[in-house]
Every structure is written in C-alpha cells, then in structure tokens.
Amino acid sequence: MTADIDLGHPQAQVIQSDEDVVRVRQLVRAVAVAVKLSLVDQTKVVTAASELARNTLVYGGGGSVEVTTVDNGRRKGVRIVFADSGPGIADLNLAMTDGYTSGGGLGLGLSGSRRLVDEFEIETSSETGTRITVTKWSR
C-alpha cells in the first residue's frame, strides 16, 4: 500500500462500513511507516485511528478521514482528521472521562485515543457533527 501513498497530498478515505475502518488502519499504518515513526508509535497511532474510525461509523453514522504528513522543521508526523455529520457528542466531558464507554469499540474511548497521540482536538455540536484531529510525531 505504501507505493500508493503520495506524501505530498492528504489521503482521504470515506468511512461507511467495517471494511472502510480496516482501510483507515491500513492507510494510517502506511503513512506512519513512510514518515518513519517507530514501531511502538505506529501501533499507537493505528490503534487510535481504529477507535476513532469506528466511532465515526457507529456514533456519527459514517463520515470521512483525511491523513496528512506534517513536518515542524524538527520532526515529521502524521495528522489525521475524522469528520462526521452525526448528532454530535451530547456530553463531551463524560465522553472524555477515563473508563467511559458507550460500548461497541475497542473499549479505549476518546480518552484512551487521546493518550495514544501527541495532539488531540475535538469539535462537536448537534448542528455540525464531530471533527477530531489527532497528530503523532516521530521521536
């Protein structure tokens, strides 16, 4: 899959099925390898991406993901943006609580995904759905 990755451009993937969640994992792993993340960091970002893609499908009714390489001049990384037009997260504070799960995912929840990445931003509303941006930097 790495041969198909154009690191100069964002890579987009729709999330409408379980197969799409698998494709998101494959895409994130390919980009993580291409920017030379360590195996541990590859596993962390792929795990977070898997959980967030599943949440996009299950709770957001499907959506999209965009995977981009980033470079801050000192190191490279992977930035992933998940977006859906679902109902939003009713109680964001509760959803971000360690140990909280509404079932169906890997059991990591949003707080677990946040711990696996270096940067985590979330925007959610009942009008616009949910947008989560995560970044994992090389060490």
C-alpha atoms as a PDB file:
ATOM      1  CA  MET A   1       0.000   0.000   0.000  1.00  0.00           C
ATOM      2  CA  THR A   2       2.924   2.353   0.656  1.00  0.00           C
ATOM      3  CA  ALA A   3       3.590   2.639  -3.073  1.00  0.00           C
ATOM      4  CA  ASP A   4       0.179   4.272  -3.497  1.00  0.00           C
ATOM      5  CA  ILE A   5       0.837   6.940  -0.847  1.00  0.00           C
ATOM      6  CA  ASP A   6       1.578  10.431  -2.134  1.00  0.00           C
ATOM      7  CA  LEU A   7       3.107  12.049   0.939  1.00  0.00           C
ATOM      8  CA  GLY A   8       2.778  15.488  -0.607  1.00  0.00           C
ATOM      9  CA  HIS A   9      -1.018  15.374  -0.534  1.00  0.00           C
ATOM     10  CA  PRO A  10      -3.649  14.465   2.050  1.00  0.00           C
ATOM     11  CA  GLN A  11      -5.043  10.960   1.683  1.00  0.00           C
ATOM     12  CA  ALA A  12      -8.829  10.764   2.045  1.00  0.00           C
ATOM     13  CA  GLN A  13     -10.987   7.759   2.897  1.00  0.00           C
ATOM     14  CA  VAL A  14     -14.729   7.525   3.417  1.00  0.00           C
ATOM     15  CA  ILE A  15     -15.956   5.658   6.487  1.00  0.00           C
ATOM     16  CA  GLN A  16     -19.251   3.953   5.692  1.00  0.00           C
ATOM     17  CA  SER A  17     -18.573   0.296   6.567  1.00  0.00           C
ATOM     18  CA  ASP A  18     -16.427  -2.037   8.658  1.00  0.00           C
ATOM     19  CA  GLU A  19     -14.239  -2.546   5.576  1.00  0.00           C
ATOM     20  CA  ASP A  20     -13.595   1.217   5.497  1.00  0.00           C
ATOM     21  CA  VAL A  21     -12.397   1.075   9.119  1.00  0.00           C
ATOM     22  CA  VAL A  22      -9.873  -1.578   8.028  1.00  0.00           C
ATOM     23  CA  ARG A  23      -8.810   0.672   5.111  1.00  0.00           C
ATOM     24  CA  VAL A  24      -8.283   3.575   7.530  1.00  0.00           C
ATOM     25  CA  ARG A  25      -5.976   1.409   9.661  1.00  0.00           C
ATOM     26  CA  GLN A  26      -4.020   0.344   6.564  1.00  0.00           C
ATOM     27  CA  LEU A  27      -3.720   3.922   5.313  1.00  0.00           C
ATOM     28  CA  VAL A  28      -2.585   5.267   8.684  1.00  0.00           C
ATOM     29  CA  ARG A  29      -0.026   2.464   9.049  1.00  0.00           C
ATOM     30  CA  ALA A  30       1.358   3.125   5.553  1.00  0.00           C
ATOM     31  CA  VAL A  31       1.756   6.847   6.243  1.00  0.00           C
ATOM     32  CA  ALA A  32       3.243   6.190   9.712  1.00  0.00           C
ATOM     33  CA  VAL A  33       5.830   3.869   8.142  1.00  0.00           C
ATOM     34  CA  ALA A  34       6.574   6.413   5.398  1.00  0.00           C
ATOM     35  CA  VAL A  35       7.350   9.167   7.931  1.00  0.00           C
ATOM     36  CA  LYS A  36       9.476   6.689   9.899  1.00  0.00           C
ATOM     37  CA  LEU A  37       7.521   6.512  13.131  1.00  0.00           C
ATOM     38  CA  SER A  38       8.882   3.833  15.464  1.00  0.00           C
ATOM     39  CA  LEU A  39       7.005   0.539  15.583  1.00  0.00           C
ATOM     40  CA  VAL A  40       5.584   1.468  19.003  1.00  0.00           C
ATOM     41  CA  ASP A  41       4.365   4.848  17.719  1.00  0.00           C
ATOM     42  CA  GLN A  42       2.958   3.218  14.564  1.00  0.00           C
ATOM     43  CA  THR A  43       0.952   0.871  16.769  1.00  0.00           C
ATOM     44  CA  LYS A  44      -0.283   3.722  18.962  1.00  0.00           C
ATOM     45  CA  VAL A  45      -1.461   5.906  16.074  1.00  0.00           C
ATOM     46  CA  VAL A  46      -3.053   2.973  14.227  1.00  0.00           C
ATOM     47  CA  THR A  47      -4.885   1.925  17.405  1.00  0.00           C
ATOM     48  CA  ALA A  48      -6.164   5.465  17.996  1.00  0.00           C
ATOM     49  CA  ALA A  49      -7.188   5.770  14.343  1.00  0.00           C
ATOM     50  CA  SER A  50      -9.037   2.454  14.514  1.00  0.00           C
ATOM     51  CA  GLU A  51     -11.018   3.531  17.573  1.00  0.00           C
ATOM     52  CA  LEU A  52     -11.830   6.953  16.107  1.00  0.00           C
ATOM     53  CA  ALA A  53     -12.812   5.495  12.723  1.00  0.00           C
ATOM     54  CA  ARG A  54     -15.116   3.017  14.471  1.00  0.00           C
ATOM     55  CA  ASN A  55     -16.664   5.892  16.491  1.00  0.00           C
ATOM     56  CA  THR A  56     -17.163   7.850  13.256  1.00  0.00           C
ATOM     57  CA  LEU A  57     -19.021   4.881  11.778  1.00  0.00           C
ATOM     58  CA  VAL A  58     -21.052   3.805  14.818  1.00  0.00           C
ATOM     59  CA  TYR A  59     -21.894   7.111  16.516  1.00  0.00           C
ATOM     60  CA  GLY A  60     -21.554   9.578  13.644  1.00  0.00           C
ATOM     61  CA  GLY A  61     -23.363   7.450  11.086  1.00  0.00           C
ATOM     62  CA  GLY A  62     -20.259   7.378   8.896  1.00  0.00           C
ATOM     63  CA  GLY A  63     -18.066  10.159   7.653  1.00  0.00           C
ATOM     64  CA  SER A  64     -14.565  10.637   6.360  1.00  0.00           C
ATOM     65  CA  VAL A  65     -10.942  10.709   7.354  1.00  0.00           C
ATOM     66  CA  GLU A  66      -8.034  12.685   5.928  1.00  0.00           C
ATOM     67  CA  VAL A  67      -4.468  11.558   6.639  1.00  0.00           C
ATOM     68  CA  THR A  68      -1.648  14.043   6.104  1.00  0.00           C
ATOM     69  CA  THR A  69       2.054  14.088   6.790  1.00  0.00           C
ATOM     70  CA  VAL A  70       3.269  17.043   8.833  1.00  0.00           C
ATOM     71  CA  ASP A  71       6.731  18.488   9.384  1.00  0.00           C
ATOM     72  CA  ASN A  72       7.519  21.109  12.021  1.00  0.00           C
ATOM     73  CA  GLY A  73      11.134  21.548  10.928  1.00  0.00           C
ATOM     74  CA  ARG A  74      12.477  19.255  13.666  1.00  0.00           C
ATOM     75  CA  ARG A  75      10.460  16.124  13.090  1.00  0.00           C
ATOM     76  CA  LYS A  76       7.798  14.563  10.937  1.00  0.00           C
ATOM     77  CA  GLY A  77       4.477  13.110  11.882  1.00  0.00           C
ATOM     78  CA  VAL A  78       1.012  12.020  10.875  1.00  0.00           C
ATOM     79  CA  ARG A  79      -2.087  14.207  11.243  1.00  0.00           C
ATOM     80  CA  ILE A  80      -5.479  12.536  10.971  1.00  0.00           C
ATOM     81  CA  VAL A  81      -8.813  14.348  10.791  1.00  0.00           C
ATOM     82  CA  PHE A  82     -12.038  12.404  11.358  1.00  0.00           C
ATOM     83  CA  ALA A  83     -15.293  14.154  10.429  1.00  0.00           C
ATOM     84  CA  ASP A  84     -18.935  13.175  10.530  1.00  0.00           C
ATOM     85  CA  SER A  85     -22.296  14.916  10.261  1.00  0.00           C
ATOM     86  CA  GLY A  86     -23.862  12.911  13.067  1.00  0.00           C
ATOM     87  CA  PRO A  87     -25.664  14.121  16.192  1.00  0.00           C
ATOM     88  CA  GLY A  88     -22.501  15.287  17.936  1.00  0.00           C
ATOM     89  CA  ILE A  89     -21.373  14.164  21.381  1.00  0.00           C
ATOM     90  CA  ALA A  90     -24.056  15.143  23.897  1.00  0.00           C
ATOM     91  CA  ASP A  91     -21.792  15.195  26.975  1.00  0.00           C
ATOM     92  CA  LEU A  92     -18.211  15.757  25.854  1.00  0.00           C
ATOM     93  CA  ASN A  93     -16.847  15.871  29.424  1.00  0.00           C
ATOM     94  CA  LEU A  94     -18.379  12.460  30.157  1.00  0.00           C
ATOM     95  CA  ALA A  95     -17.200  11.047  26.835  1.00  0.00           C
ATOM     96  CA  MET A  96     -13.627  12.188  27.620  1.00  0.00           C
ATOM     97  CA  THR A  97     -13.652  10.557  31.071  1.00  0.00           C
ATOM     98  CA  ASP A  98     -11.235   7.662  31.575  1.00  0.00           C
ATOM     99  CA  GLY A  99     -13.073   4.369  31.620  1.00  0.00           C
ATOM    100  CA  TYR A 100     -16.211   5.739  29.967  1.00  0.00           C
ATOM    101  CA  THR A 101     -17.535   3.643  27.139  1.00  0.00           C
ATOM    102  CA  SER A 102     -20.847   3.514  25.413  1.00  0.00           C
ATOM    103  CA  GLY A 103     -19.898   0.077  24.066  1.00  0.00           C
ATOM    104  CA  GLY A 104     -19.019  -1.276  20.649  1.00  0.00           C
ATOM    105  CA  GLY A 105     -15.444  -0.033  20.217  1.00  0.00           C
ATOM    106  CA  LEU A 106     -12.117  -1.292  21.478  1.00  0.00           C
ATOM    107  CA  GLY A 107     -13.001  -0.020  24.928  1.00  0.00           C
ATOM    108  CA  LEU A 108     -10.435   2.758  24.700  1.00  0.00           C
ATOM    109  CA  GLY A 109     -12.938   5.532  24.307  1.00  0.00           C
ATOM    110  CA  LEU A 110     -11.935   9.048  23.403  1.00  0.00           C
ATOM    111  CA  SER A 111      -9.701   9.434  26.461  1.00  0.00           C
ATOM    112  CA  GLY A 112      -7.708   6.332  25.512  1.00  0.00           C
ATOM    113  CA  SER A 113      -7.293   7.580  21.970  1.00  0.00           C
ATOM    114  CA  ARG A 114      -6.143  10.946  23.319  1.00  0.00           C
ATOM    115  CA  ARG A 115      -3.419   9.231  25.381  1.00  0.00           C
ATOM    116  CA  LEU A 116      -2.088   7.365  22.336  1.00  0.00           C
ATOM    117  CA  VAL A 117      -1.335  10.511  20.303  1.00  0.00           C
ATOM    118  CA  ASP A 118       0.656  13.690  20.882  1.00  0.00           C
ATOM    119  CA  GLU A 119      -2.052  16.191  19.921  1.00  0.00           C
ATOM    120  CA  PHE A 120      -5.825  15.763  20.189  1.00  0.00           C
ATOM    121  CA  GLU A 121      -8.512  18.293  19.299  1.00  0.00           C
ATOM    122  CA  ILE A 122     -12.262  17.753  19.205  1.00  0.00           C
ATOM    123  CA  GLU A 123     -15.085  19.930  17.940  1.00  0.00           C
ATOM    124  CA  THR A 124     -18.639  18.657  18.294  1.00  0.00           C
ATOM    125  CA  SER A 125     -22.160  20.014  18.038  1.00  0.00           C
ATOM    126  CA  SER A 126     -25.612  18.718  17.230  1.00  0.00           C
ATOM    127  CA  GLU A 127     -25.699  21.023  14.168  1.00  0.00           C
ATOM    128  CA  THR A 128     -22.368  20.151  12.565  1.00  0.00           C
ATOM    129  CA  GLY A 129     -21.429  16.710  13.879  1.00  0.00           C
ATOM    130  CA  THR A 130     -17.996  15.856  15.213  1.00  0.00           C
ATOM    131  CA  ARG A 131     -14.485  16.631  13.976  1.00  0.00           C
ATOM    132  CA  ILE A 132     -11.493  15.097  15.727  1.00  0.00           C
ATOM    133  CA  THR A 133      -7.918  15.959  14.774  1.00  0.00           C
ATOM    134  CA  VAL A 134      -5.020  13.886  16.109  1.00  0.00           C
ATOM    135  CA  THR A 135      -1.283  14.142  15.462  1.00  0.00           C
ATOM    136  CA  LYS A 136       1.502  11.692  16.258  1.00  0.00           C
ATOM    137  CA  TRP A 137       5.093  12.970  15.937  1.00  0.00           C
ATOM    138  CA  SER A 138       8.250  10.966  15.355  1.00  0.00           C
ATOM    139  CA  ARG A 139      10.602  10.765  18.343  1.00  0.00           C
END
